[in-house]
């Protein structure tokens, strides 16, 4: 039975007490890091959802314009073509990180 206020000499000699303290510090750091990473993931998920929504809105607007292409004047048609090209360029730049593009099968298929 240990006396309050007196360390265990054998544990101190073997360095166990110091290792336990170090482990406690590492555990606290790990907990803080896990909290930061969870918050960052939440923020990235929210941003990803906003980007998905934006892309869906733009594609829907482009589809409506494409359907009315015949009634557009030449300047409006050129603007539509330019916007479509920019969206395709952005899509290519981002890539297929989530595997959602049907035209790009995963490697090995």
N, C-alpha and C. Protein backbone atom coordinates (compact mmCIF):
# COMPACT_ATOMS: atom_id res chain seq x y z
N UNK A 1 0.84 -1.17 0.00
CA UNK A 1 0.00 0.00 0.00
C UNK A 1 0.88 1.23 0.00
N UNK A 2 0.66 2.11 -0.95
CA UNK A 2 1.49 3.30 -1.09
C UNK A 2 1.04 4.38 -0.12
N UNK A 3 2.00 5.13 0.36
CA UNK A 3 1.72 6.24 1.26
C UNK A 3 1.46 7.46 0.41
N UNK A 4 0.42 8.21 0.77
CA UNK A 4 0.05 9.41 0.01
C UNK A 4 1.20 10.40 0.04
N UNK A 5 1.55 10.92 -1.12
CA UNK A 5 2.60 11.92 -1.22
C UNK A 5 3.98 11.33 -1.43
N UNK A 6 4.10 10.03 -1.35
CA UNK A 6 5.40 9.39 -1.55
C UNK A 6 5.30 8.54 -2.80
N UNK A 7 6.25 8.73 -3.73
CA UNK A 7 6.25 7.96 -4.95
C UNK A 7 6.70 6.54 -4.70
N UNK A 8 6.42 5.68 -5.63
CA UNK A 8 6.84 4.29 -5.56
C UNK A 8 8.26 4.22 -6.11
N UNK A 9 9.25 3.93 -5.28
CA UNK A 9 10.64 3.95 -5.73
C UNK A 9 10.92 2.97 -6.86
N UNK A 10 10.29 1.80 -6.83
CA UNK A 10 10.53 0.82 -7.89
C UNK A 10 9.97 1.32 -9.22
N UNK A 11 8.77 1.88 -9.18
CA UNK A 11 8.17 2.44 -10.41
C UNK A 11 9.01 3.59 -10.94
N UNK A 12 9.51 4.42 -10.01
CA UNK A 12 10.37 5.54 -10.42
C UNK A 12 11.67 5.02 -11.01
N UNK A 13 12.25 4.00 -10.37
CA UNK A 13 13.52 3.42 -10.84
C UNK A 13 13.36 2.85 -12.25
N UNK A 14 12.25 2.17 -12.48
CA UNK A 14 12.01 1.58 -13.80
C UNK A 14 11.51 2.60 -14.82
N UNK A 15 11.18 3.77 -14.36
CA UNK A 15 10.71 4.83 -15.26
C UNK A 15 9.24 4.71 -15.63
N UNK A 16 8.53 3.88 -14.91
CA UNK A 16 7.11 3.66 -15.23
C UNK A 16 6.29 4.92 -14.98
N UNK A 17 6.56 5.60 -13.87
CA UNK A 17 5.81 6.81 -13.55
C UNK A 17 5.97 7.85 -14.65
N UNK A 18 7.20 8.04 -15.12
CA UNK A 18 7.45 9.01 -16.18
C UNK A 18 6.75 8.59 -17.47
N UNK A 19 6.77 7.30 -17.76
CA UNK A 19 6.09 6.82 -18.96
C UNK A 19 4.58 7.02 -18.87
N UNK A 20 4.02 6.81 -17.69
CA UNK A 20 2.59 7.02 -17.52
C UNK A 20 2.23 8.49 -17.73
N UNK A 21 3.05 9.38 -17.19
CA UNK A 21 2.81 10.82 -17.38
C UNK A 21 2.90 11.19 -18.86
N UNK A 22 3.90 10.65 -19.53
CA UNK A 22 4.06 10.93 -20.96
C UNK A 22 2.86 10.39 -21.74
N UNK A 23 2.40 9.19 -21.38
CA UNK A 23 1.24 8.61 -22.05
C UNK A 23 0.00 9.47 -21.84
N UNK A 24 -0.17 10.01 -20.63
CA UNK A 24 -1.31 10.88 -20.36
C UNK A 24 -1.25 12.15 -21.21
N UNK A 25 -0.06 12.72 -21.33
CA UNK A 25 0.09 13.93 -22.17
C UNK A 25 -0.22 13.61 -23.63
N UNK A 26 0.27 12.47 -24.10
CA UNK A 26 0.00 12.08 -25.48
C UNK A 26 -1.49 11.82 -25.70
N UNK A 27 -2.14 11.25 -24.71
CA UNK A 27 -3.57 11.00 -24.83
C UNK A 27 -4.35 12.32 -24.92
N UNK A 28 -3.98 13.29 -24.13
CA UNK A 28 -4.64 14.61 -24.19
C UNK A 28 -4.41 15.26 -25.55
N UNK A 29 -3.18 15.17 -26.04
CA UNK A 29 -2.89 15.73 -27.38
C UNK A 29 -3.69 15.03 -28.45
N UNK A 30 -3.77 13.71 -28.35
CA UNK A 30 -4.52 12.93 -29.33
C UNK A 30 -5.99 13.32 -29.32
N UNK A 31 -6.55 13.49 -28.14
CA UNK A 31 -7.96 13.89 -28.03
C UNK A 31 -8.18 15.27 -28.67
N UNK A 32 -7.27 16.20 -28.42
CA UNK A 32 -7.40 17.53 -29.03
C UNK A 32 -7.31 17.43 -30.55
N UNK A 33 -6.36 16.64 -31.03
CA UNK A 33 -6.19 16.49 -32.48
C UNK A 33 -7.42 15.84 -33.10
N UNK A 34 -7.97 14.83 -32.44
CA UNK A 34 -9.16 14.17 -32.96
C UNK A 34 -10.33 15.14 -33.05
N UNK A 35 -10.48 16.01 -32.06
CA UNK A 35 -11.56 17.00 -32.09
C UNK A 35 -11.36 17.97 -33.25
N UNK A 36 -10.11 18.42 -33.46
CA UNK A 36 -9.83 19.34 -34.56
C UNK A 36 -10.11 18.67 -35.90
N UNK A 37 -9.71 17.41 -36.03
CA UNK A 37 -9.92 16.69 -37.29
C UNK A 37 -11.41 16.47 -37.55
N UNK A 38 -12.18 16.18 -36.51
CA UNK A 38 -13.62 15.99 -36.67
C UNK A 38 -14.28 17.29 -37.12
N UNK A 39 -13.85 18.40 -36.54
CA UNK A 39 -14.40 19.69 -36.93
C UNK A 39 -14.03 20.01 -38.38
N UNK A 40 -12.79 19.74 -38.76
CA UNK A 40 -12.36 19.99 -40.13
C UNK A 40 -13.15 19.13 -41.11
N UNK A 41 -13.41 17.87 -40.76
CA UNK A 41 -14.19 16.99 -41.62
C UNK A 41 -15.61 17.53 -41.79
N UNK A 42 -16.21 18.00 -40.70
CA UNK A 42 -17.55 18.58 -40.79
C UNK A 42 -17.55 19.77 -41.74
N UNK A 43 -16.54 20.62 -41.63
CA UNK A 43 -16.45 21.80 -42.49
C UNK A 43 -16.25 21.40 -43.94
N UNK A 44 -15.41 20.41 -44.19
CA UNK A 44 -15.18 19.95 -45.57
C UNK A 44 -16.44 19.29 -46.14
N UNK A 45 -17.14 18.52 -45.33
CA UNK A 45 -18.39 17.91 -45.79
C UNK A 45 -19.42 18.97 -46.15
N UNK A 46 -19.52 20.01 -45.33
CA UNK A 46 -20.46 21.10 -45.61
C UNK A 46 -20.09 21.82 -46.89
N UNK A 47 -18.80 22.09 -47.07
CA UNK A 47 -18.35 22.75 -48.29
C UNK A 47 -18.60 21.88 -49.51
N UNK A 48 -18.34 20.60 -49.39
CA UNK A 48 -18.58 19.68 -50.50
C UNK A 48 -20.06 19.67 -50.89
N UNK A 49 -20.94 19.68 -49.90
CA UNK A 49 -22.38 19.70 -50.18
C UNK A 49 -22.77 20.99 -50.90
N UNK A 50 -22.18 22.10 -50.49
CA UNK A 50 -22.48 23.38 -51.15
C UNK A 50 -22.00 23.37 -52.60
N UNK A 51 -20.82 22.82 -52.83
CA UNK A 51 -20.29 22.75 -54.20
C UNK A 51 -21.18 21.85 -55.05
N UNK A 52 -21.58 20.69 -54.49
CA UNK A 52 -22.47 19.79 -55.23
C UNK A 52 -23.77 20.49 -55.60
N UNK A 53 -24.32 21.26 -54.66
CA UNK A 53 -25.56 21.99 -54.91
C UNK A 53 -25.36 23.04 -55.99
N UNK A 54 -24.25 23.76 -55.92
CA UNK A 54 -23.96 24.78 -56.92
C UNK A 54 -23.83 24.17 -58.31
N UNK A 55 -23.09 23.09 -58.41
CA UNK A 55 -22.90 22.44 -59.71
C UNK A 55 -24.24 21.94 -60.25
N UNK A 56 -25.06 21.36 -59.39
CA UNK A 56 -26.38 20.88 -59.83
C UNK A 56 -27.25 22.03 -60.32
N UNK A 57 -27.21 23.15 -59.61
CA UNK A 57 -27.99 24.32 -60.04
C UNK A 57 -27.51 24.85 -61.38
N UNK A 58 -26.20 24.93 -61.56
CA UNK A 58 -25.65 25.43 -62.82
C UNK A 58 -26.00 24.48 -63.97
N UNK A 59 -25.84 23.19 -63.72
CA UNK A 59 -26.17 22.21 -64.78
C UNK A 59 -27.66 22.28 -65.14
N UNK A 60 -28.53 22.44 -64.15
CA UNK A 60 -29.97 22.54 -64.42
C UNK A 60 -30.26 23.79 -65.26
N UNK A 61 -29.63 24.89 -64.93
CA UNK A 61 -29.83 26.12 -65.70
C UNK A 61 -29.32 25.96 -67.12
N UNK A 62 -28.17 25.30 -67.27
CA UNK A 62 -27.63 25.06 -68.61
C UNK A 62 -28.55 24.15 -69.43
N UNK A 63 -29.12 23.15 -68.79
CA UNK A 63 -30.03 22.25 -69.51
C UNK A 63 -31.25 23.02 -70.02
N UNK A 64 -31.77 23.93 -69.20
CA UNK A 64 -32.91 24.74 -69.64
C UNK A 64 -32.51 25.62 -70.82
N UNK A 65 -31.33 26.21 -70.74
CA UNK A 65 -30.87 27.06 -71.85
C UNK A 65 -30.63 26.22 -73.11
N UNK A 66 -30.07 25.03 -72.93
CA UNK A 66 -29.83 24.15 -74.08
C UNK A 66 -31.15 23.79 -74.76
N UNK A 67 -32.18 23.58 -73.96
CA UNK A 67 -33.49 23.23 -74.52
C UNK A 67 -34.06 24.40 -75.33
N UNK A 68 -33.72 25.61 -74.95
CA UNK A 68 -34.22 26.80 -75.66
C UNK A 68 -33.18 27.37 -76.62
N UNK A 69 -32.16 26.60 -76.95
CA UNK A 69 -31.05 27.09 -77.79
C UNK A 69 -31.55 27.71 -79.10
N UNK A 70 -32.54 27.11 -79.71
CA UNK A 70 -33.02 27.60 -81.01
C UNK A 70 -33.61 29.01 -80.92
N UNK A 71 -34.12 29.38 -79.75
CA UNK A 71 -34.72 30.70 -79.61
C UNK A 71 -33.72 31.75 -79.14
N UNK A 72 -32.48 31.34 -78.89
CA UNK A 72 -31.46 32.29 -78.44
C UNK A 72 -30.85 33.02 -79.63
N UNK A 73 -30.52 34.28 -79.40
CA UNK A 73 -29.82 35.01 -80.46
C UNK A 73 -28.36 34.53 -80.49
N UNK A 74 -27.61 34.88 -81.53
CA UNK A 74 -26.23 34.39 -81.64
C UNK A 74 -25.34 34.76 -80.45
N UNK A 75 -25.52 35.94 -79.89
CA UNK A 75 -24.71 36.33 -78.73
C UNK A 75 -25.05 35.45 -77.51
N UNK A 76 -26.34 35.19 -77.31
CA UNK A 76 -26.75 34.34 -76.19
C UNK A 76 -26.27 32.91 -76.39
N UNK A 77 -26.30 32.43 -77.64
CA UNK A 77 -25.78 31.09 -77.92
C UNK A 77 -24.29 31.01 -77.63
N UNK A 78 -23.56 32.05 -78.00
CA UNK A 78 -22.12 32.08 -77.75
C UNK A 78 -21.84 32.11 -76.24
N UNK A 79 -22.64 32.88 -75.51
CA UNK A 79 -22.48 32.94 -74.05
C UNK A 79 -22.77 31.57 -73.42
N UNK A 80 -23.80 30.90 -73.93
CA UNK A 80 -24.14 29.56 -73.43
C UNK A 80 -23.01 28.58 -73.71
N UNK A 81 -22.47 28.63 -74.91
CA UNK A 81 -21.34 27.75 -75.26
C UNK A 81 -20.14 28.02 -74.38
N UNK A 82 -19.87 29.30 -74.12
CA UNK A 82 -18.74 29.68 -73.27
C UNK A 82 -18.93 29.17 -71.84
N UNK A 83 -20.14 29.35 -71.31
CA UNK A 83 -20.42 28.90 -69.96
C UNK A 83 -20.34 27.37 -69.86
N UNK A 84 -20.85 26.68 -70.86
CA UNK A 84 -20.76 25.21 -70.88
C UNK A 84 -19.31 24.76 -70.91
N UNK A 85 -18.50 25.42 -71.71
CA UNK A 85 -17.08 25.07 -71.80
C UNK A 85 -16.38 25.32 -70.47
N UNK A 86 -16.71 26.43 -69.82
CA UNK A 86 -16.09 26.72 -68.51
C UNK A 86 -16.47 25.66 -67.47
N UNK A 87 -17.74 25.26 -67.47
CA UNK A 87 -18.17 24.24 -66.52
C UNK A 87 -17.48 22.91 -66.79
N UNK A 88 -17.37 22.54 -68.07
CA UNK A 88 -16.66 21.30 -68.42
C UNK A 88 -15.19 21.37 -68.02
N UNK A 89 -14.58 22.54 -68.21
CA UNK A 89 -13.18 22.73 -67.83
C UNK A 89 -13.00 22.61 -66.32
N UNK A 90 -13.92 23.22 -65.58
CA UNK A 90 -13.85 23.14 -64.12
C UNK A 90 -14.04 21.70 -63.65
N UNK A 91 -14.99 21.01 -64.27
CA UNK A 91 -15.23 19.61 -63.92
C UNK A 91 -13.99 18.77 -64.20
N UNK A 92 -13.33 19.01 -65.31
CA UNK A 92 -12.10 18.27 -65.63
C UNK A 92 -10.98 18.62 -64.66
N UNK A 93 -10.90 19.88 -64.27
CA UNK A 93 -9.87 20.32 -63.33
C UNK A 93 -10.05 19.67 -61.96
N UNK A 94 -11.29 19.60 -61.51
CA UNK A 94 -11.58 18.97 -60.22
C UNK A 94 -11.33 17.48 -60.29
N UNK A 95 -11.66 16.88 -61.41
CA UNK A 95 -11.46 15.45 -61.57
C UNK A 95 -12.64 14.66 -61.04
N UNK A 96 -12.41 13.38 -60.87
CA UNK A 96 -13.46 12.47 -60.42
C UNK A 96 -13.08 11.87 -59.08
N UNK A 97 -12.88 12.74 -58.10
CA UNK A 97 -12.42 12.31 -56.79
C UNK A 97 -13.37 11.33 -56.12
N UNK A 98 -14.67 11.48 -56.37
CA UNK A 98 -15.62 10.60 -55.69
C UNK A 98 -16.08 9.43 -56.54
N UNK A 99 -15.58 9.33 -57.77
CA UNK A 99 -15.95 8.21 -58.64
C UNK A 99 -17.34 8.32 -59.23
N UNK A 100 -17.91 9.52 -59.24
CA UNK A 100 -19.29 9.67 -59.68
C UNK A 100 -19.42 9.83 -61.20
N UNK A 101 -18.34 10.12 -61.88
CA UNK A 101 -18.43 10.29 -63.33
C UNK A 101 -18.56 8.93 -64.00
N UNK A 102 -19.67 8.72 -64.70
CA UNK A 102 -19.92 7.43 -65.33
C UNK A 102 -18.93 7.15 -66.46
N UNK A 103 -18.40 8.19 -67.08
CA UNK A 103 -17.48 8.01 -68.20
C UNK A 103 -16.09 7.57 -67.76
N UNK A 104 -15.80 7.67 -66.48
CA UNK A 104 -14.47 7.34 -65.97
C UNK A 104 -14.54 6.13 -65.04
N UNK A 105 -14.46 4.91 -65.58
CA UNK A 105 -14.53 3.74 -64.69
C UNK A 105 -13.29 3.69 -63.81
N UNK A 106 -13.42 3.11 -62.61
CA UNK A 106 -12.28 3.01 -61.72
C UNK A 106 -11.17 2.18 -62.35
N UNK A 107 -9.91 2.42 -61.94
CA UNK A 107 -8.80 1.63 -62.51
C UNK A 107 -9.03 0.14 -62.30
N UNK A 108 -8.67 -0.63 -63.31
CA UNK A 108 -8.79 -2.07 -63.22
C UNK A 108 -10.06 -2.62 -63.83
N UNK A 109 -10.94 -1.72 -64.31
CA UNK A 109 -12.18 -2.19 -64.92
C UNK A 109 -12.13 -2.06 -66.41
